[in-house]
Amino acid sequence: MTADREPRRQGSTPRVAVVIPARGGSKGVPRKNLRCVGGVPLVGRAIQAAKAAASVRAVYVSTDDAEIAAAAKQYGAEVIERPAELGADDTSSEAVLLHALDLMASRAEEPELTAFVQCTAPLITSVDIDGVVAALDAESADSAFAAAGFHGFLWTADASQGARGVNHSHTERKRRQDLSPTYLEAGSVYVFRTSGFRAARHRFFGRIAVYEIPVSRCVEIDDEADIELADALIGRVTTSGVSERLPHRIGALVMDFDGVLTDNRLIVFSDGQEAVACSRADGMGIGRLAARGLPMLILSSEKNPVVDARALKLGVSCRAGVTDKRAVLEKWLAEKSVAPRDCVFVGNDVNDLTCMQVVGCSVAVADAHPDVLRVASLVLRSEGGRGAVRELTDLIEQRLAGGAACQPA
């Protein structure tokens, strides 16, 4: 058993660790865990949600597939190499989880709580993961799961007795709202006390808590139609619940320049000098966040001196003429002692995609490239250079005023 390591976020034994099983074989949808929804592979979406959850301090992907392992590393998870005998169609998720926990235990990293997150639920959010953890704690439960409230009439039928009601009596028709509460398991997040899970060897044991999520997030990928449905819904999920999309602890704001702080146009004078158009409102918003001590960076591949000049005027750090934006971003965050999960990054074009993969909240301006719009955690209403950054800084200010921590510069 081996794993590709990343530094522990908080000590060697995290309270909550996420395990994401992702095998290479699948029958209904071939190579399912690498299929994209909203421009991001299913395994990547699960990792992004887990890494953005405030309660989580370690994220593992258990896989028997080299391509899935490479994708998992790209999105920032640790990879656990799953033995071949745990890659069969009839292998239980519990067996895979126990294998992962054995590895953690061998490294003295076994968590108090294990969160089992499924790739096949692409509309999962970090709020869902934190919510299930909170429900387990609030109810002093042993295990917990995400589910949607179900208000329909359930029936069963067999050859001997015909159809009959399950959650109601067909001889006494009640209103839907008068039915006893029932829940539809989302198939996305399960959290349990690790010691109890080892004893029970099943995800449900002891006192079980339910965390209710909207039914719109209860999509599971079993066939091609499910992928089409998830793709259709992903935009609605991305643009709703704005406050839920920002990191719990906002540690830094990083911005592309062209198309984000400008309207992506370039004015060229007859002598070869160049100029761009920026928004004064954006500058005001950046200034207000600077006063709060939030570290900020302009990260641009553009070599034009106007980038440095604008950064100097705004009083924020700048890295211009960058070819490997992700490497520079990660280095800067390390220098500021900011975890990538606590970073908000706003971009507009395809050279921003690698940065958007590693941060806690990826943001796109309204007129961003379609590939960027598909992967963004949050899509702004405003276009680049026309108040988009101000829209984002106002959201961040509201979040900070509501109590989210801000790391000093």
Protein backbone atom coordinates (compact mmCIF):
# COMPACT_ATOMS: atom_id res chain seq x y z
CA MET A 1 0.00 0.00 0.00
CA THR A 2 1.42 3.35 -1.01
CA ALA A 3 0.16 6.91 -1.17
CA ASP A 4 1.38 10.12 -2.75
CA ARG A 5 1.73 12.59 0.06
CA GLU A 6 0.87 16.22 0.65
CA PRO A 7 1.57 18.01 3.96
CA ARG A 8 -0.98 17.51 6.70
CA ARG A 9 -3.06 20.65 7.09
CA GLN A 10 -3.41 20.48 10.85
CA GLY A 11 -1.29 18.01 12.73
CA SER A 12 -0.66 14.38 11.82
CA THR A 13 -4.08 13.02 12.82
CA PRO A 14 -6.88 15.06 11.20
CA ARG A 15 -10.28 15.03 12.88
CA VAL A 16 -12.07 14.65 9.53
CA ALA A 17 -10.52 12.92 6.53
CA VAL A 18 -12.33 12.40 3.24
CA VAL A 19 -11.97 9.15 1.30
CA ILE A 20 -13.14 9.18 -2.33
CA PRO A 21 -13.29 5.72 -3.96
CA ALA A 22 -12.75 5.94 -7.73
CA ARG A 23 -12.07 2.72 -9.58
CA GLY A 24 -11.24 2.60 -13.26
CA GLY A 25 -13.82 0.04 -14.36
CA SER A 26 -17.49 0.89 -14.81
CA LYS A 27 -20.16 -0.68 -17.01
CA GLY A 28 -23.03 1.82 -17.33
CA VAL A 29 -20.76 4.73 -18.23
CA PRO A 30 -17.26 3.67 -19.35
CA ARG A 31 -14.44 5.53 -17.55
CA LYS A 32 -17.19 7.18 -15.52
CA ASN A 33 -15.04 8.80 -12.84
CA LEU A 34 -13.09 10.70 -15.50
CA ARG A 35 -16.17 11.91 -17.36
CA CYS A 36 -16.70 15.65 -17.13
CA VAL A 37 -19.65 17.55 -15.71
CA GLY A 38 -19.40 21.30 -16.03
CA GLY A 39 -15.99 20.86 -17.62
CA VAL A 40 -14.50 19.06 -14.58
CA PRO A 41 -14.02 15.27 -14.25
CA LEU A 42 -16.22 13.64 -11.63
CA VAL A 43 -13.23 12.76 -9.44
CA GLY A 44 -12.07 16.38 -9.67
CA ARG A 45 -15.46 17.74 -8.61
CA ALA A 46 -15.47 15.51 -5.53
CA ILE A 47 -11.96 16.60 -4.60
CA GLN A 48 -12.78 20.29 -5.06
CA ALA A 49 -15.79 20.02 -2.77
CA ALA A 50 -13.80 18.12 -0.13
CA LYS A 51 -10.85 20.50 -0.15
CA ALA A 52 -13.16 23.51 0.19
CA ALA A 53 -14.97 22.06 3.22
CA ALA A 54 -14.02 23.84 6.45
CA SER A 55 -14.16 20.67 8.55
CA VAL A 56 -11.87 18.59 6.32
CA ARG A 57 -8.11 18.38 6.83
CA ALA A 58 -7.13 15.52 4.50
CA VAL A 59 -8.46 14.24 1.18
CA TYR A 60 -7.64 10.78 -0.21
CA VAL A 61 -8.62 9.14 -3.49
CA SER A 62 -8.53 5.34 -3.52
CA THR A 63 -8.07 4.03 -7.05
CA ASP A 64 -6.72 1.16 -9.11
CA ASP A 65 -6.35 3.32 -12.22
CA ALA A 66 -3.27 5.34 -13.24
CA GLU A 67 -5.24 7.96 -15.16
CA ILE A 68 -7.60 8.58 -12.24
CA ALA A 69 -4.58 8.76 -9.92
CA ALA A 70 -3.01 11.44 -12.14
CA ALA A 71 -6.25 13.45 -12.15
CA ALA A 72 -6.54 13.13 -8.37
CA LYS A 73 -3.03 14.50 -7.89
CA GLN A 74 -3.78 17.33 -10.29
CA TYR A 75 -6.73 18.40 -8.15
CA GLY A 76 -4.73 18.14 -4.94
CA ALA A 77 -5.71 14.84 -3.31
CA GLU A 78 -3.50 12.13 -1.89
CA VAL A 79 -3.66 8.91 -3.88
CA ILE A 80 -4.06 5.50 -2.28
CA GLU A 81 -3.17 2.65 -4.61
CA ARG A 82 -5.98 0.14 -4.39
CA PRO A 83 -5.02 -3.54 -4.84
CA ALA A 84 -6.54 -5.41 -7.77
CA GLU A 85 -8.74 -7.57 -5.55
CA LEU A 86 -10.60 -4.39 -4.45
CA GLY A 87 -11.35 -3.32 -8.02
CA ALA A 88 -14.07 -5.84 -8.90
CA ASP A 89 -17.67 -4.92 -9.68
CA ASP A 90 -18.92 -6.54 -6.48
CA THR A 91 -16.33 -4.95 -4.16
CA SER A 92 -18.10 -3.06 -1.40
CA SER A 93 -17.34 0.58 -0.67
CA GLU A 94 -16.82 -0.45 2.95
CA ALA A 95 -13.95 -2.75 1.97
CA VAL A 96 -12.27 0.09 0.09
CA LEU A 97 -12.73 2.47 3.02
CA LEU A 98 -11.27 -0.04 5.49
CA HIS A 99 -8.24 -0.50 3.22
CA ALA A 100 -7.71 3.28 3.17
CA LEU A 101 -8.08 3.54 6.94
CA ASP A 102 -5.55 0.74 7.46
CA LEU A 103 -3.04 2.77 5.47
CA MET A 104 -3.76 5.89 7.50
CA ALA A 105 -3.43 3.92 10.73
CA SER A 106 -0.03 2.60 9.63
CA ARG A 107 1.11 6.24 9.35
CA ALA A 108 -0.56 7.35 12.60
CA GLU A 109 -2.97 9.48 10.53
CA GLU A 110 -6.27 7.72 11.16
CA PRO A 111 -8.97 10.37 11.67
CA GLU A 112 -11.58 10.59 14.38
CA LEU A 113 -14.25 10.99 11.69
CA THR A 114 -14.21 9.54 8.18
CA ALA A 115 -16.17 11.22 5.40
CA PHE A 116 -17.01 8.92 2.51
CA VAL A 117 -17.61 11.06 -0.60
CA GLN A 118 -18.82 9.59 -3.90
CA CYS A 119 -17.59 10.82 -7.30
CA THR A 120 -20.89 9.82 -8.83
CA ALA A 121 -22.71 12.71 -7.13
CA PRO A 122 -21.38 15.65 -9.19
CA LEU A 123 -23.54 18.37 -7.62
CA ILE A 124 -22.02 17.85 -4.19
CA THR A 125 -20.80 21.02 -2.42
CA SER A 126 -18.43 21.71 0.44
CA VAL A 127 -21.47 22.88 2.42
CA ASP A 128 -22.97 19.39 2.11
CA ILE A 129 -19.84 17.83 3.59
CA ASP A 130 -19.62 20.35 6.44
CA GLY A 131 -23.37 19.95 7.03
CA VAL A 132 -23.19 16.19 7.45
CA VAL A 133 -20.27 16.57 9.88
CA ALA A 134 -22.21 19.22 11.83
CA ALA A 135 -25.33 17.03 11.94
CA LEU A 136 -23.33 14.13 13.37
CA ASP A 137 -21.87 16.41 16.04
CA ALA A 138 -25.14 18.17 16.87
CA GLU A 139 -27.01 14.91 17.41
CA SER A 140 -24.10 13.09 19.07
CA ALA A 141 -24.61 10.52 16.35
CA ASP A 142 -22.37 7.66 15.25
CA SER A 143 -23.01 8.02 11.54
CA ALA A 144 -24.70 10.58 9.29
CA PHE A 145 -25.56 11.08 5.64
CA ALA A 146 -26.90 13.65 3.16
CA ALA A 147 -30.48 13.24 1.99
CA ALA A 148 -33.36 15.20 0.49
CA GLY A 149 -36.78 15.36 2.08
CA PHE A 150 -39.21 13.13 0.19
CA HIS A 151 -42.91 14.00 0.16
CA GLY A 152 -44.37 11.52 -2.30
CA PHE A 153 -46.56 8.44 -1.90
CA LEU A 154 -44.52 5.24 -2.05
CA TRP A 155 -46.02 1.94 -3.23
CA THR A 156 -44.83 -1.63 -3.50
CA ALA A 157 -46.37 -4.53 -5.36
CA ASP A 158 -46.08 -8.31 -5.59
CA ALA A 159 -47.90 -11.10 -7.36
CA SER A 160 -49.80 -12.32 -4.31
CA GLN A 161 -51.08 -9.08 -2.77
CA GLY A 162 -50.91 -6.57 -5.62
CA ALA A 163 -50.02 -2.92 -4.93
CA ARG A 164 -50.12 -1.46 -1.43
CA GLY A 165 -48.87 1.68 0.25
CA VAL A 166 -45.46 1.82 1.93
CA ASN A 167 -45.49 5.20 3.69
CA HIS A 168 -49.28 5.58 3.67
CA SER A 169 -52.52 3.61 3.77
CA HIS A 170 -54.41 3.68 0.50
CA THR A 171 -57.67 3.39 2.44
CA GLU A 172 -57.03 6.68 4.22
CA ARG A 173 -55.75 9.27 1.77
CA LYS A 174 -53.73 11.98 3.57
CA ARG A 175 -52.35 15.25 2.29
CA ARG A 176 -48.68 15.06 1.31
CA GLN A 177 -47.73 17.44 4.12
CA ASP A 178 -49.39 15.13 6.64
CA LEU A 179 -47.25 12.12 5.75
CA SER A 180 -44.53 11.09 8.17
CA PRO A 181 -41.17 12.61 7.15
CA THR A 182 -39.16 10.46 4.77
CA TYR A 183 -35.82 11.06 3.09
CA LEU A 184 -34.20 10.22 -0.24
CA GLU A 185 -30.57 9.21 0.25
CA ALA A 186 -28.42 11.53 -1.88
CA GLY A 187 -25.61 9.01 -2.42
CA SER A 188 -23.04 11.79 -2.02
CA VAL A 189 -21.74 12.16 1.55
CA TYR A 190 -21.55 9.80 4.52
CA VAL A 191 -19.71 10.62 7.75
CA PHE A 192 -19.05 8.24 10.62
CA ARG A 193 -16.92 7.79 13.70
CA THR A 194 -13.94 5.80 12.50
CA SER A 195 -13.70 3.49 15.51
CA GLY A 196 -17.38 2.59 15.25
CA PHE A 197 -17.10 1.98 11.52
CA ARG A 198 -14.21 -0.41 12.09
CA ALA A 199 -16.36 -2.37 14.52
CA ALA A 200 -19.55 -2.34 12.44
CA ARG A 201 -17.79 -2.58 9.05
CA HIS A 202 -20.74 -0.68 7.57
CA ARG A 203 -21.40 3.01 6.93
CA PHE A 204 -24.65 3.01 8.94
CA PHE A 205 -24.45 2.06 12.61
CA GLY A 206 -25.46 3.28 16.04
CA ARG A 207 -27.41 6.54 16.14
CA ILE A 208 -27.82 7.86 12.57
CA ALA A 209 -28.28 11.55 11.74
CA VAL A 210 -29.66 13.02 8.51
CA TYR A 211 -28.48 16.26 6.92
CA GLU A 212 -31.09 17.56 4.50
CA ILE A 213 -29.99 19.00 1.16
CA PRO A 214 -32.08 20.27 -1.79
CA VAL A 215 -33.40 17.54 -4.04
CA SER A 216 -31.79 19.38 -6.98
CA ARG A 217 -28.40 18.20 -5.71
CA CYS A 218 -29.43 14.53 -5.56
CA VAL A 219 -28.18 13.54 -9.00
CA GLU A 220 -26.22 10.28 -9.27
CA ILE A 221 -24.39 9.27 -12.44
CA ASP A 222 -25.51 5.83 -13.58
CA ASP A 223 -25.96 6.39 -17.34
CA GLU A 224 -25.38 8.94 -20.09
CA ALA A 225 -28.70 10.67 -19.42
CA ASP A 226 -27.57 11.42 -15.87
CA ILE A 227 -24.48 13.20 -17.19
CA GLU A 228 -26.65 15.32 -19.46
CA LEU A 229 -28.95 16.15 -16.54
CA ALA A 230 -26.05 17.08 -14.24
CA ASP A 231 -24.55 19.29 -16.96
CA ALA A 232 -27.86 21.08 -17.34
CA LEU A 233 -28.20 21.63 -13.59
CA ILE A 234 -24.61 22.57 -12.81
CA GLY A 235 -25.02 26.21 -13.88
CA ARG A 236 -27.98 26.67 -11.55
CA VAL A 237 -26.06 25.17 -8.65
CA THR A 238 -22.97 27.25 -9.42
CA THR A 239 -24.77 30.59 -9.49
CA SER A 240 -26.95 29.95 -6.44
CA GLY A 241 -25.94 30.18 -2.80
CA VAL A 242 -23.12 32.65 -3.41
CA SER A 243 -22.03 32.82 0.22
CA GLU A 244 -21.71 29.02 0.25
CA ARG A 245 -19.21 29.19 -2.60
CA LEU A 246 -16.67 31.37 -0.83
CA PRO A 247 -14.09 29.64 1.40
CA HIS A 248 -14.99 29.36 5.07
CA ARG A 249 -11.68 31.06 5.89
CA ILE A 250 -10.83 33.65 3.25
CA GLY A 251 -7.05 33.92 3.18
CA ALA A 252 -6.24 35.64 -0.13
CA LEU A 253 -7.64 37.08 -3.35
CA VAL A 254 -5.74 36.48 -6.59
CA MET A 255 -6.79 38.13 -9.86
CA ASP A 256 -5.88 37.77 -13.50
CA PHE A 257 -5.36 41.15 -15.19
CA ASP A 258 -6.52 41.21 -18.82
CA GLY A 259 -10.22 40.46 -19.02
CA VAL A 260 -10.67 40.68 -15.25
CA LEU A 261 -9.33 44.07 -14.17
CA THR A 262 -9.68 45.28 -17.77
CA ASP A 263 -12.40 44.85 -20.38
CA ASN A 264 -9.94 42.75 -22.42
CA ARG A 265 -9.45 45.47 -25.03
CA LEU A 266 -6.08 47.00 -25.86
CA ILE A 267 -5.65 50.54 -27.17
CA VAL A 268 -2.54 50.98 -29.34
CA PHE A 269 -1.30 54.51 -30.10
CA SER A 270 0.57 55.49 -33.27
CA ASP A 271 3.89 55.50 -31.42
CA GLY A 272 3.37 51.89 -30.28
CA GLN A 273 2.39 52.73 -26.70
CA GLU A 274 -0.46 50.68 -25.29
CA ALA A 275 -3.28 51.45 -22.87
CA VAL A 276 -6.10 49.53 -21.23
CA ALA A 277 -9.40 50.47 -19.61
CA CYS A 278 -9.98 49.67 -15.91
CA SER A 279 -12.84 50.26 -13.51
CA ARG A 280 -12.47 52.77 -10.67
CA ALA A 281 -15.13 50.80 -8.81
CA ASP A 282 -12.86 47.74 -8.89
CA GLY A 283 -10.06 49.85 -7.40
CA MET A 284 -12.32 51.02 -4.58
CA GLY A 285 -13.31 47.45 -3.74
CA ILE A 286 -9.69 46.29 -3.71
CA GLY A 287 -8.78 49.19 -1.46
CA ARG A 288 -11.47 48.25 1.04
CA LEU A 289 -10.18 44.67 1.23
CA ALA A 290 -6.60 45.94 1.56
CA ALA A 291 -7.71 47.94 4.59
CA ARG A 292 -8.89 44.67 6.14
CA GLY A 293 -5.41 43.20 5.65
CA LEU A 294 -6.40 40.61 3.04
CA PRO A 295 -3.39 39.49 0.94
CA MET A 296 -4.03 40.16 -2.76
CA LEU A 297 -2.11 39.42 -5.93
CA ILE A 298 -2.43 40.30 -9.60
CA LEU A 299 -1.19 37.29 -11.57
CA SER A 300 -0.80 37.84 -15.30
CA SER A 301 0.92 36.31 -18.30
CA GLU A 302 0.93 39.78 -19.90
CA LYS A 303 4.36 41.49 -20.11
CA ASN A 304 2.99 45.01 -20.60
CA PRO A 305 4.32 47.44 -17.95
CA VAL A 306 0.76 48.68 -17.47
CA VAL A 307 0.15 45.57 -15.32
CA ASP A 308 2.81 46.56 -12.79
CA ALA A 309 1.71 50.18 -12.94
CA ARG A 310 -1.91 49.32 -12.10
CA ALA A 311 -0.83 46.99 -9.29
CA LEU A 312 1.37 49.75 -7.84
CA LYS A 313 -1.54 52.19 -7.99
CA LEU A 314 -3.81 49.68 -6.23
CA GLY A 315 -1.16 48.78 -3.67
CA VAL A 316 -1.30 45.03 -4.29
CA SER A 317 1.39 42.48 -5.13
CA CYS A 318 1.96 41.64 -8.79
CA ARG A 319 3.53 38.83 -10.80
CA ALA A 320 3.48 39.71 -14.52
CA GLY A 321 4.89 37.98 -17.59
CA VAL A 322 4.23 34.59 -15.97
CA THR A 323 4.22 31.43 -18.07
CA ASP A 324 3.37 28.87 -15.35
CA LYS A 325 0.65 30.66 -13.42
CA ARG A 326 -0.18 27.74 -11.14
CA ALA A 327 3.43 27.35 -9.96
CA VAL A 328 3.72 31.06 -9.23
CA LEU A 329 0.37 31.05 -7.44
CA GLU A 330 1.32 28.12 -5.22
CA LYS A 331 4.67 29.70 -4.38
CA TRP A 332 3.07 33.03 -3.46
CA LEU A 333 0.44 31.37 -1.29
CA ALA A 334 3.17 29.44 0.53
CA GLU A 335 5.07 32.68 1.13
CA LYS A 336 1.90 34.19 2.62
CA SER A 337 1.19 31.02 4.65
CA VAL A 338 -2.21 30.74 2.97
CA ALA A 339 -3.60 27.30 2.16
CA PRO A 340 -4.87 27.00 -1.45
CA ARG A 341 -8.28 26.03 -0.09
CA ASP A 342 -8.53 29.49 1.52
CA CYS A 343 -7.77 31.33 -1.72
CA VAL A 344 -10.26 33.02 -4.05
CA PHE A 345 -9.01 33.19 -7.66
CA VAL A 346 -10.81 35.12 -10.40
CA GLY A 347 -9.98 34.53 -14.05
CA ASN A 348 -11.42 34.77 -17.53
CA ASP A 349 -9.46 32.65 -20.02
CA VAL A 350 -8.08 29.16 -20.53
CA ASN A 351 -4.64 29.99 -19.10
CA ASP A 352 -6.39 30.49 -15.74
CA LEU A 353 -7.76 26.94 -15.60
CA THR A 354 -4.77 25.39 -13.83
CA CYS A 355 -5.05 27.96 -11.03
CA MET A 356 -8.79 27.42 -10.75
CA GLN A 357 -8.18 23.72 -10.12
CA VAL A 358 -6.21 24.23 -6.92
CA VAL A 359 -7.99 27.02 -5.04
CA GLY A 360 -10.91 26.84 -2.64
CA CYS A 361 -13.08 29.14 -4.74
CA SER A 362 -12.62 29.66 -8.49
CA VAL A 363 -14.45 32.69 -9.88
CA ALA A 364 -15.23 33.67 -13.48
CA VAL A 365 -16.29 37.04 -14.83
CA ALA A 366 -19.54 37.04 -16.79
CA ASP A 367 -17.84 37.24 -20.20
CA ALA A 368 -15.20 34.59 -19.50
CA HIS A 369 -14.25 31.85 -21.94
CA PRO A 370 -16.85 29.02 -21.97
CA ASP A 371 -14.33 26.54 -20.54
CA VAL A 372 -13.75 28.88 -17.60
CA LEU A 373 -17.47 29.41 -17.04
CA ARG A 374 -18.00 25.65 -16.88
CA VAL A 375 -15.42 25.00 -14.14
CA ALA A 376 -15.95 28.11 -11.99
CA SER A 377 -17.34 27.71 -8.48
CA LEU A 378 -18.91 31.16 -8.84
CA VAL A 379 -19.85 33.09 -11.98
CA LEU A 380 -20.18 36.85 -11.51
CA ARG A 381 -22.95 38.91 -13.08
CA SER A 382 -20.53 41.63 -14.23
CA GLU A 383 -18.03 41.52 -17.07
CA GLY A 384 -14.29 41.99 -16.72
CA GLY A 385 -13.21 45.62 -16.39
CA ARG A 386 -16.84 46.61 -15.85
CA GLY A 387 -17.29 46.06 -12.13
CA ALA A 388 -16.70 42.30 -11.87
CA VAL A 389 -13.94 42.64 -9.29
CA ARG A 390 -16.02 45.13 -7.30
CA GLU A 391 -18.90 42.66 -7.31
CA LEU A 392 -16.57 40.01 -5.94
CA THR A 393 -14.90 42.26 -3.34
CA ASP A 394 -18.33 43.29 -2.06
CA LEU A 395 -19.26 39.61 -1.63
CA ILE A 396 -16.00 38.96 0.20
CA GLU A 397 -16.55 41.98 2.43
CA GLN A 398 -20.03 40.76 3.31
CA ARG A 399 -18.63 37.35 4.14
CA LEU A 400 -15.83 38.79 6.27
CA ALA A 401 -18.28 41.06 8.09
CA GLY A 402 -20.31 37.97 8.87
CA GLY A 403 -17.43 36.45 10.78
CA ALA A 404 -15.25 34.58 8.27
CA ALA A 405 -11.61 34.76 9.32
CA CYS A 406 -9.16 36.85 7.35
CA GLN A 407 -5.45 36.23 7.55
CA PRO A 408 -3.29 39.35 8.00
CA ALA A 409 -0.96 40.36 5.21
